[in-house]
């Protein structure tokens, strides 16, 4: 194997392992739930991974087409989203404390249903958990 390909494989392995350590806990919870089928958990995880790779590739191509000055401004997007959520947190009423987390409710409802719904539930939770990985994957794909 040429040296360039070997270094790319090594970089890809390290990046994938470092960005997916938090997934071990999420997957352990899924595998520990006896209501979820093991095949649904595996299929959902691979579906989420495919969506992340496709989204990262598309964003990397878009980043190459946009001038670098404009790409740098995209850093304000997460900041603005975070400020919006912070304001919403301060406006939130105290009576909402007993509400169940939406992802937990989605998994609970899907665990009572068929294989396809379980796969979609695992995919949704995995995508929500892995959204931060796009910040790592996009610059690597663009390079």
C-alpha atoms as a PDB file:
ATOM      1  CA  UNK A   1       0.000   0.000   0.000  1.00  0.00           C
ATOM      2  CA  UNK A   2       1.451   3.398  -0.945  1.00  0.00           C
ATOM      3  CA  UNK A   3       2.507   5.629   1.917  1.00  0.00           C
ATOM      4  CA  UNK A   4      -0.105   8.317   1.153  1.00  0.00           C
ATOM      5  CA  UNK A   5      -3.005   5.876   1.339  1.00  0.00           C
ATOM      6  CA  UNK A   6      -1.646   4.332   4.541  1.00  0.00           C
ATOM      7  CA  UNK A   7      -1.481   7.731   6.234  1.00  0.00           C
ATOM      8  CA  UNK A   8      -5.040   8.564   5.099  1.00  0.00           C
ATOM      9  CA  UNK A   9      -6.325   5.268   6.486  1.00  0.00           C
ATOM     10  CA  UNK A  10      -4.523   5.955   9.756  1.00  0.00           C
ATOM     11  CA  UNK A  11      -5.959   9.472  10.027  1.00  0.00           C
ATOM     12  CA  UNK A  12      -9.446   8.222   9.198  1.00  0.00           C
ATOM     13  CA  UNK A  13      -9.194   5.495  11.847  1.00  0.00           C
ATOM     14  CA  UNK A  14      -8.045   7.895  14.569  1.00  0.00           C
ATOM     15  CA  UNK A  15     -10.690  10.505  13.684  1.00  0.00           C
ATOM     16  CA  UNK A  16     -13.487   7.941  13.613  1.00  0.00           C
ATOM     17  CA  UNK A  17     -12.430   6.382  16.926  1.00  0.00           C
ATOM     18  CA  UNK A  18     -12.021   9.724  18.698  1.00  0.00           C
ATOM     19  CA  UNK A  19     -15.335  11.165  17.530  1.00  0.00           C
ATOM     20  CA  UNK A  20     -17.342   8.036  18.310  1.00  0.00           C
ATOM     21  CA  UNK A  21     -16.252   7.261  21.870  1.00  0.00           C
ATOM     22  CA  UNK A  22     -19.459   8.792  23.215  1.00  0.00           C
ATOM     23  CA  UNK A  23     -21.453   6.427  20.995  1.00  0.00           C
ATOM     24  CA  UNK A  24     -20.289   3.466  23.042  1.00  0.00           C
ATOM     25  CA  UNK A  25     -22.485   4.558  25.939  1.00  0.00           C
ATOM     26  CA  UNK A  26     -25.512   5.176  23.716  1.00  0.00           C
ATOM     27  CA  UNK A  27     -25.081   1.829  21.975  1.00  0.00           C
ATOM     28  CA  UNK A  28     -24.635   0.070  25.320  1.00  0.00           C
ATOM     29  CA  UNK A  29     -27.980   1.485  26.447  1.00  0.00           C
ATOM     30  CA  UNK A  30     -29.640   0.321  23.242  1.00  0.00           C
ATOM     31  CA  UNK A  31     -28.165  -3.167  23.501  1.00  0.00           C
ATOM     32  CA  UNK A  32     -29.178  -3.389  27.161  1.00  0.00           C
ATOM     33  CA  UNK A  33     -32.849  -2.723  26.339  1.00  0.00           C
ATOM     34  CA  UNK A  34     -34.458  -6.149  25.832  1.00  0.00           C
ATOM     35  CA  UNK A  35     -37.325  -4.609  23.845  1.00  0.00           C
ATOM     36  CA  UNK A  36     -35.006  -3.489  21.040  1.00  0.00           C
ATOM     37  CA  UNK A  37     -33.808  -6.005  18.496  1.00  0.00           C
ATOM     38  CA  UNK A  38     -30.052  -6.264  18.088  1.00  0.00           C
ATOM     39  CA  UNK A  39     -30.381  -6.084  14.296  1.00  0.00           C
ATOM     40  CA  UNK A  40     -32.366  -2.853  14.580  1.00  0.00           C
ATOM     41  CA  UNK A  41     -29.668  -1.267  16.728  1.00  0.00           C
ATOM     42  CA  UNK A  42     -26.909  -2.278  14.297  1.00  0.00           C
ATOM     43  CA  UNK A  43     -28.896  -1.202  11.223  1.00  0.00           C
ATOM     44  CA  UNK A  44     -29.843   2.118  12.852  1.00  0.00           C
ATOM     45  CA  UNK A  45     -26.241   2.863  13.763  1.00  0.00           C
ATOM     46  CA  UNK A  46     -25.017   2.123  10.223  1.00  0.00           C
ATOM     47  CA  UNK A  47     -27.831   4.232   8.742  1.00  0.00           C
ATOM     48  CA  UNK A  48     -26.857   7.164  10.970  1.00  0.00           C
ATOM     49  CA  UNK A  49     -23.215   6.748  10.001  1.00  0.00           C
ATOM     50  CA  UNK A  50     -24.151   6.762   6.298  1.00  0.00           C
ATOM     51  CA  UNK A  51     -26.205   9.942   6.728  1.00  0.00           C
ATOM     52  CA  UNK A  52     -23.317  11.646   8.550  1.00  0.00           C
ATOM     53  CA  UNK A  53     -20.794  10.699   5.872  1.00  0.00           C
ATOM     54  CA  UNK A  54     -23.104  11.885   3.087  1.00  0.00           C
ATOM     55  CA  UNK A  55     -23.869  15.149   4.894  1.00  0.00           C
ATOM     56  CA  UNK A  56     -20.177  15.738   5.601  1.00  0.00           C
ATOM     57  CA  UNK A  57     -19.247  15.053   1.982  1.00  0.00           C
ATOM     58  CA  UNK A  58     -21.939  17.375   0.667  1.00  0.00           C
ATOM     59  CA  UNK A  59     -20.957  20.118   3.107  1.00  0.00           C
ATOM     60  CA  UNK A  60     -17.274  19.698   2.222  1.00  0.00           C
ATOM     61  CA  UNK A  61     -18.068  20.103  -1.474  1.00  0.00           C
ATOM     62  CA  UNK A  62     -20.161  23.151  -0.665  1.00  0.00           C
ATOM     63  CA  UNK A  63     -17.332  24.548   1.468  1.00  0.00           C
ATOM     64  CA  UNK A  64     -14.972  24.228  -1.493  1.00  0.00           C
ATOM     65  CA  UNK A  65     -17.400  26.137  -3.734  1.00  0.00           C
ATOM     66  CA  UNK A  66     -17.907  29.028  -1.292  1.00  0.00           C
ATOM     67  CA  UNK A  67     -15.158  31.646  -0.818  1.00  0.00           C
ATOM     68  CA  UNK A  68     -13.118  31.142   2.369  1.00  0.00           C
ATOM     69  CA  UNK A  69     -14.235  34.498   3.781  1.00  0.00           C
ATOM     70  CA  UNK A  70     -17.854  33.349   3.786  1.00  0.00           C
ATOM     71  CA  UNK A  71     -17.083  29.895   5.185  1.00  0.00           C
ATOM     72  CA  UNK A  72     -15.504  31.520   8.244  1.00  0.00           C
ATOM     73  CA  UNK A  73     -18.818  33.258   8.967  1.00  0.00           C
ATOM     74  CA  UNK A  74     -20.519  29.878   9.349  1.00  0.00           C
ATOM     75  CA  UNK A  75     -18.952  29.702  12.809  1.00  0.00           C
ATOM     76  CA  UNK A  76     -21.611  32.146  13.966  1.00  0.00           C
ATOM     77  CA  UNK A  77     -24.408  29.662  13.224  1.00  0.00           C
ATOM     78  CA  UNK A  78     -23.786  27.386  16.246  1.00  0.00           C
ATOM     79  CA  UNK A  79     -23.213  30.439  18.415  1.00  0.00           C
ATOM     80  CA  UNK A  80     -26.550  31.949  17.403  1.00  0.00           C
ATOM     81  CA  UNK A  81     -28.337  28.618  17.878  1.00  0.00           C
ATOM     82  CA  UNK A  82     -26.840  28.287  21.350  1.00  0.00           C
ATOM     83  CA  UNK A  83     -27.872  31.823  22.299  1.00  0.00           C
ATOM     84  CA  UNK A  84     -31.393  31.123  21.064  1.00  0.00           C
ATOM     85  CA  UNK A  85     -31.570  27.982  23.197  1.00  0.00           C
ATOM     86  CA  UNK A  86     -30.175  29.875  26.188  1.00  0.00           C
ATOM     87  CA  UNK A  87     -32.904  32.492  25.854  1.00  0.00           C
ATOM     88  CA  UNK A  88     -35.515  29.756  25.524  1.00  0.00           C
ATOM     89  CA  UNK A  89     -34.148  28.133  28.678  1.00  0.00           C
ATOM     90  CA  UNK A  90     -34.620  31.332  30.653  1.00  0.00           C
ATOM     91  CA  UNK A  91     -38.143  31.749  29.305  1.00  0.00           C
ATOM     92  CA  UNK A  92     -39.104  28.162  30.083  1.00  0.00           C
ATOM     93  CA  UNK A  93     -41.718  27.700  32.767  1.00  0.00           C
ATOM     94  CA  UNK A  94     -40.995  25.629  35.878  1.00  0.00           C
ATOM     95  CA  UNK A  95     -44.018  23.423  35.211  1.00  0.00           C
ATOM     96  CA  UNK A  96     -42.211  21.669  32.347  1.00  0.00           C
ATOM     97  CA  UNK A  97     -39.787  19.874  34.681  1.00  0.00           C
ATOM     98  CA  UNK A  98     -41.680  16.570  34.579  1.00  0.00           C
ATOM     99  CA  UNK A  99     -41.705  16.225  30.807  1.00  0.00           C
ATOM    100  CA  UNK A 100     -39.935  13.248  29.323  1.00  0.00           C
ATOM    101  CA  UNK A 101     -37.009  13.770  26.985  1.00  0.00           C
ATOM    102  CA  UNK A 102     -38.221  13.540  23.396  1.00  0.00           C
ATOM    103  CA  UNK A 103     -35.491  11.091  22.346  1.00  0.00           C
ATOM    104  CA  UNK A 104     -36.302   8.822  25.275  1.00  0.00           C
ATOM    105  CA  UNK A 105     -39.982   8.884  24.377  1.00  0.00           C
ATOM    106  CA  UNK A 106     -39.153   8.113  20.744  1.00  0.00           C
ATOM    107  CA  UNK A 107     -37.096   5.064  21.703  1.00  0.00           C
ATOM    108  CA  UNK A 108     -39.724   3.897  24.189  1.00  0.00           C
ATOM    109  CA  UNK A 109     -42.499   4.117  21.587  1.00  0.00           C
ATOM    110  CA  UNK A 110     -40.399   2.478  18.893  1.00  0.00           C
ATOM    111  CA  UNK A 111     -39.380  -0.370  21.158  1.00  0.00           C
ATOM    112  CA  UNK A 112     -43.010  -1.466  21.270  1.00  0.00           C
ATOM    113  CA  UNK A 113     -43.308  -1.578  17.499  1.00  0.00           C
ATOM    114  CA  UNK A 114     -41.757  -3.169  14.440  1.00  0.00           C
ATOM    115  CA  UNK A 115     -38.236  -3.481  13.191  1.00  0.00           C
ATOM    116  CA  UNK A 116     -38.383  -0.454  10.850  1.00  0.00           C
ATOM    117  CA  UNK A 117     -39.569   1.856  13.630  1.00  0.00           C
ATOM    118  CA  UNK A 118     -36.814   0.611  15.903  1.00  0.00           C
ATOM    119  CA  UNK A 119     -34.213   1.252  13.196  1.00  0.00           C
ATOM    120  CA  UNK A 120     -35.558   4.782  12.692  1.00  0.00           C
ATOM    121  CA  UNK A 121     -35.515   5.449  16.431  1.00  0.00           C
ATOM    122  CA  UNK A 122     -31.910   4.288  16.784  1.00  0.00           C
ATOM    123  CA  UNK A 123     -30.951   6.278  13.688  1.00  0.00           C
ATOM    124  CA  UNK A 124     -32.590   9.422  15.068  1.00  0.00           C
ATOM    125  CA  UNK A 125     -30.913   9.174  18.456  1.00  0.00           C
ATOM    126  CA  UNK A 126     -27.549   8.367  16.846  1.00  0.00           C
ATOM    127  CA  UNK A 127     -27.832  11.375  14.530  1.00  0.00           C
ATOM    128  CA  UNK A 128     -28.722  13.624  17.441  1.00  0.00           C
ATOM    129  CA  UNK A 129     -25.738  12.300  19.373  1.00  0.00           C
ATOM    130  CA  UNK A 130     -23.337  12.526  16.408  1.00  0.00           C
ATOM    131  CA  UNK A 131     -24.267  15.935  15.064  1.00  0.00           C
ATOM    132  CA  UNK A 132     -21.175  17.438  16.644  1.00  0.00           C
ATOM    133  CA  UNK A 133     -19.016  15.088  14.580  1.00  0.00           C
ATOM    134  CA  UNK A 134     -19.839  17.121  11.481  1.00  0.00           C
ATOM    135  CA  UNK A 135     -17.567  19.854  12.821  1.00  0.00           C
ATOM    136  CA  UNK A 136     -14.688  17.388  12.597  1.00  0.00           C
ATOM    137  CA  UNK A 137     -15.610  15.513   9.431  1.00  0.00           C
ATOM    138  CA  UNK A 138     -16.360  18.483   7.168  1.00  0.00           C
ATOM    139  CA  UNK A 139     -12.903  20.140   7.403  1.00  0.00           C
ATOM    140  CA  UNK A 140     -11.199  16.776   6.936  1.00  0.00           C
ATOM    141  CA  UNK A 141     -13.289  15.966   3.854  1.00  0.00           C
ATOM    142  CA  UNK A 142     -12.714  19.468   2.480  1.00  0.00           C
ATOM    143  CA  UNK A 143      -8.946  19.019   2.830  1.00  0.00           C
END
